[in-house]
Amino acid sequence: MPETKPPKKKRAAKPKPVEKAPAKVGKATQLAAIQDRYRRALITALDHPHRAQGDRIRAALAALLAEKAALGVKDGEEAAEASE
């Protein structure tokens, strides 16, 4: 009588790596990051000739106000939140 081999066991499927959810960042942290980018833009504007500084400062201010508007923060509102 021929010997029969036992059926091979199927390997367990490798579990997929769990993707981490994006970190939740508070409004205060987002505002601080926006203000930091604005501050850095002002500092880098100082390295350019006087005529070019105005354009760079206006562009940085426009970016700051646009990012704050995207967060839904009105100008001066973050100062009121910090003092409370």
N, C-alpha and C. Protein backbone atom coordinates (compact mmCIF):
# COMPACT_ATOMS: atom_id res chain seq x y z
N MET A 1 0.84 -1.18 0.00
CA MET A 1 0.00 0.00 0.00
C MET A 1 0.88 1.25 0.00
N PRO A 2 0.67 2.17 -0.96
CA PRO A 2 1.52 3.37 -1.02
C PRO A 2 1.20 4.31 0.14
N GLU A 3 2.25 4.92 0.61
CA GLU A 3 2.06 5.86 1.72
C GLU A 3 1.55 7.19 1.17
N THR A 4 0.58 7.75 1.83
CA THR A 4 0.04 9.05 1.41
C THR A 4 0.61 10.14 2.31
N LYS A 5 0.93 11.22 1.68
CA LYS A 5 1.47 12.34 2.44
C LYS A 5 0.31 13.15 3.00
N PRO A 6 0.48 13.65 4.21
CA PRO A 6 -0.59 14.49 4.76
C PRO A 6 -0.65 15.80 3.97
N PRO A 7 -1.84 16.36 3.82
CA PRO A 7 -1.96 17.61 3.06
C PRO A 7 -1.18 18.73 3.75
N LYS A 8 -0.59 19.60 2.94
CA LYS A 8 0.19 20.71 3.49
C LYS A 8 -0.77 21.74 4.09
N LYS A 9 -0.33 22.28 5.19
CA LYS A 9 -1.13 23.32 5.84
C LYS A 9 -0.89 24.65 5.13
N LYS A 10 -1.94 25.39 4.95
CA LYS A 10 -1.81 26.71 4.33
C LYS A 10 -1.23 27.68 5.35
N ARG A 11 -0.33 28.48 4.85
CA ARG A 11 0.25 29.48 5.74
C ARG A 11 -0.77 30.59 6.00
N ALA A 12 -0.70 31.09 7.20
CA ALA A 12 -1.60 32.21 7.54
C ALA A 12 -1.16 33.44 6.76
N ALA A 13 -2.12 34.19 6.31
CA ALA A 13 -1.82 35.41 5.56
C ALA A 13 -1.15 36.41 6.49
N LYS A 14 -0.15 37.10 5.95
CA LYS A 14 0.54 38.09 6.76
C LYS A 14 -0.40 39.26 7.03
N PRO A 15 -0.46 39.69 8.26
CA PRO A 15 -1.33 40.84 8.53
C PRO A 15 -0.75 42.09 7.89
N LYS A 16 -1.63 42.90 7.35
CA LYS A 16 -1.20 44.15 6.73
C LYS A 16 -0.80 45.13 7.83
N PRO A 17 0.22 45.91 7.58
CA PRO A 17 0.60 46.89 8.60
C PRO A 17 -0.53 47.90 8.81
N VAL A 18 -0.75 48.20 10.05
CA VAL A 18 -1.82 49.14 10.40
C VAL A 18 -1.32 50.55 10.12
N GLU A 19 -2.07 51.29 9.34
CA GLU A 19 -1.70 52.67 9.06
C GLU A 19 -2.15 53.55 10.22
N LYS A 20 -1.23 54.39 10.63
CA LYS A 20 -1.56 55.29 11.72
C LYS A 20 -2.45 56.41 11.20
N ALA A 21 -3.39 56.78 12.02
CA ALA A 21 -4.25 57.91 11.66
C ALA A 21 -3.40 59.18 11.73
N PRO A 22 -3.69 60.15 10.89
CA PRO A 22 -2.91 61.39 10.95
C PRO A 22 -3.07 62.05 12.32
N ALA A 23 -1.99 62.60 12.77
CA ALA A 23 -2.01 63.24 14.08
C ALA A 23 -2.98 64.41 14.08
N LYS A 24 -3.74 64.50 15.14
CA LYS A 24 -4.67 65.62 15.27
C LYS A 24 -3.91 66.80 15.85
N VAL A 25 -4.00 67.90 15.17
CA VAL A 25 -3.28 69.10 15.58
C VAL A 25 -4.32 70.15 15.94
N GLY A 26 -4.13 70.75 17.10
CA GLY A 26 -5.07 71.77 17.55
C GLY A 26 -4.92 73.07 16.79
N LYS A 27 -5.91 73.92 16.95
CA LYS A 27 -5.91 75.20 16.25
C LYS A 27 -4.74 76.07 16.70
N ALA A 28 -4.41 76.01 17.98
CA ALA A 28 -3.31 76.82 18.48
C ALA A 28 -1.98 76.40 17.85
N THR A 29 -1.79 75.10 17.67
CA THR A 29 -0.57 74.60 17.04
C THR A 29 -0.51 75.01 15.58
N GLN A 30 -1.63 74.96 14.90
CA GLN A 30 -1.67 75.37 13.50
C GLN A 30 -1.37 76.86 13.36
N LEU A 31 -1.93 77.66 14.25
CA LEU A 31 -1.67 79.10 14.22
C LEU A 31 -0.20 79.39 14.49
N ALA A 32 0.39 78.66 15.43
CA ALA A 32 1.81 78.86 15.74
C ALA A 32 2.68 78.52 14.54
N ALA A 33 2.32 77.47 13.82
CA ALA A 33 3.08 77.09 12.62
C ALA A 33 2.95 78.15 11.53
N ILE A 34 1.76 78.70 11.37
CA ILE A 34 1.54 79.75 10.37
C ILE A 34 2.36 80.99 10.73
N GLN A 35 2.33 81.37 12.00
CA GLN A 35 3.07 82.56 12.43
C GLN A 35 4.57 82.34 12.31
N ASP A 36 5.03 81.11 12.54
CA ASP A 36 6.45 80.80 12.41
C ASP A 36 6.89 80.92 10.95
N ARG A 37 6.06 80.42 10.02
CA ARG A 37 6.39 80.56 8.60
C ARG A 37 6.44 82.03 8.20
N TYR A 38 5.52 82.84 8.73
CA TYR A 38 5.49 84.28 8.43
C TYR A 38 6.76 84.95 8.97
N ARG A 39 7.13 84.61 10.19
CA ARG A 39 8.32 85.18 10.80
C ARG A 39 9.58 84.83 10.00
N ARG A 40 9.66 83.57 9.56
CA ARG A 40 10.82 83.15 8.76
C ARG A 40 10.86 83.88 7.42
N ALA A 41 9.68 84.09 6.83
CA ALA A 41 9.62 84.81 5.55
C ALA A 41 10.09 86.25 5.72
N LEU A 42 9.74 86.87 6.84
CA LEU A 42 10.19 88.25 7.09
C LEU A 42 11.70 88.29 7.28
N ILE A 43 12.24 87.31 7.97
CA ILE A 43 13.69 87.28 8.20
C ILE A 43 14.44 87.07 6.89
N THR A 44 13.93 86.19 6.03
CA THR A 44 14.60 85.96 4.74
C THR A 44 14.46 87.18 3.82
N ALA A 45 13.41 87.96 4.01
CA ALA A 45 13.24 89.17 3.19
C ALA A 45 14.33 90.19 3.49
N LEU A 46 14.86 90.16 4.70
CA LEU A 46 15.91 91.12 5.06
C LEU A 46 17.21 90.87 4.31
N ASP A 47 17.39 89.65 3.77
CA ASP A 47 18.61 89.32 3.03
C ASP A 47 18.59 89.86 1.61
N HIS A 48 17.49 90.45 1.19
CA HIS A 48 17.35 90.93 -0.19
C HIS A 48 17.45 92.45 -0.22
N PRO A 49 17.67 93.00 -1.41
CA PRO A 49 17.73 94.47 -1.53
C PRO A 49 16.43 95.11 -1.07
N HIS A 50 16.55 96.37 -0.71
CA HIS A 50 15.41 97.10 -0.13
C HIS A 50 14.18 97.06 -1.02
N ARG A 51 14.34 97.19 -2.33
CA ARG A 51 13.19 97.19 -3.24
C ARG A 51 12.47 95.85 -3.23
N ALA A 52 13.21 94.76 -3.15
CA ALA A 52 12.61 93.43 -3.19
C ALA A 52 11.97 93.05 -1.85
N GLN A 53 12.39 93.70 -0.78
CA GLN A 53 11.85 93.38 0.53
C GLN A 53 10.35 93.62 0.60
N GLY A 54 9.89 94.73 0.04
CA GLY A 54 8.47 95.07 0.11
C GLY A 54 7.60 94.02 -0.54
N ASP A 55 8.04 93.53 -1.71
CA ASP A 55 7.26 92.50 -2.40
C ASP A 55 7.20 91.22 -1.59
N ARG A 56 8.33 90.84 -1.02
CA ARG A 56 8.38 89.60 -0.24
C ARG A 56 7.55 89.72 1.04
N ILE A 57 7.59 90.87 1.67
CA ILE A 57 6.80 91.08 2.89
C ILE A 57 5.31 91.06 2.58
N ARG A 58 4.91 91.70 1.47
CA ARG A 58 3.50 91.68 1.08
C ARG A 58 3.04 90.26 0.76
N ALA A 59 3.88 89.50 0.09
CA ALA A 59 3.53 88.11 -0.25
C ALA A 59 3.40 87.26 1.01
N ALA A 60 4.30 87.47 1.98
CA ALA A 60 4.25 86.72 3.23
C ALA A 60 2.99 87.08 4.02
N LEU A 61 2.65 88.37 4.04
CA LEU A 61 1.45 88.81 4.75
C LEU A 61 0.19 88.25 4.10
N ALA A 62 0.16 88.25 2.78
CA ALA A 62 -1.00 87.68 2.07
C ALA A 62 -1.14 86.20 2.36
N ALA A 63 -0.02 85.48 2.41
CA ALA A 63 -0.07 84.04 2.72
C ALA A 63 -0.54 83.82 4.15
N LEU A 64 -0.06 84.66 5.07
CA LEU A 64 -0.48 84.55 6.48
C LEU A 64 -1.98 84.74 6.62
N LEU A 65 -2.51 85.79 6.01
CA LEU A 65 -3.94 86.08 6.12
C LEU A 65 -4.78 85.00 5.43
N ALA A 66 -4.29 84.47 4.31
CA ALA A 66 -5.04 83.42 3.61
C ALA A 66 -5.09 82.14 4.43
N GLU A 67 -3.96 81.77 5.05
CA GLU A 67 -3.94 80.55 5.86
C GLU A 67 -4.81 80.70 7.10
N LYS A 68 -4.79 81.89 7.70
CA LYS A 68 -5.63 82.11 8.88
C LYS A 68 -7.10 82.09 8.49
N ALA A 69 -7.43 82.63 7.33
CA ALA A 69 -8.82 82.61 6.86
C ALA A 69 -9.25 81.18 6.57
N ALA A 70 -8.34 80.36 6.07
CA ALA A 70 -8.66 78.95 5.80
C ALA A 70 -8.97 78.20 7.08
N LEU A 71 -8.35 78.62 8.18
CA LEU A 71 -8.65 78.01 9.48
C LEU A 71 -9.92 78.58 10.09
N GLY A 72 -10.38 79.68 9.57
CA GLY A 72 -11.59 80.30 10.11
C GLY A 72 -11.29 81.26 11.24
N VAL A 73 -10.07 81.75 11.30
CA VAL A 73 -9.67 82.68 12.36
C VAL A 73 -9.65 84.08 11.77
N LYS A 74 -10.34 84.99 12.44
CA LYS A 74 -10.33 86.39 12.00
C LYS A 74 -9.11 87.08 12.59
N ASP A 75 -8.68 88.16 11.96
CA ASP A 75 -7.50 88.88 12.40
C ASP A 75 -7.71 89.39 13.83
N GLY A 76 -6.77 89.11 14.71
CA GLY A 76 -6.85 89.52 16.10
C GLY A 76 -7.60 88.55 16.99
N GLU A 77 -8.25 87.57 16.41
CA GLU A 77 -9.03 86.62 17.20
C GLU A 77 -8.14 85.70 18.03
N GLU A 78 -6.96 85.33 17.49
CA GLU A 78 -6.09 84.41 18.22
C GLU A 78 -5.54 85.05 19.48
N ALA A 79 -5.37 86.37 19.48
CA ALA A 79 -4.89 87.06 20.67
C ALA A 79 -5.95 87.02 21.76
N ALA A 80 -7.21 87.12 21.38
CA ALA A 80 -8.29 87.06 22.36
C ALA A 80 -8.39 85.66 22.97
N GLU A 81 -8.17 84.62 22.15
CA GLU A 81 -8.22 83.25 22.66
C GLU A 81 -7.08 82.98 23.63
N ALA A 82 -5.90 83.55 23.36
CA ALA A 82 -4.73 83.30 24.20
C ALA A 82 -4.89 83.97 25.56
N SER A 83 -5.55 85.12 25.63
CA SER A 83 -5.68 85.83 26.89
C SER A 83 -6.75 85.24 27.80
N GLU A 84 -7.63 84.43 27.26
CA GLU A 84 -8.71 83.86 28.08
C GLU A 84 -8.23 82.74 28.94
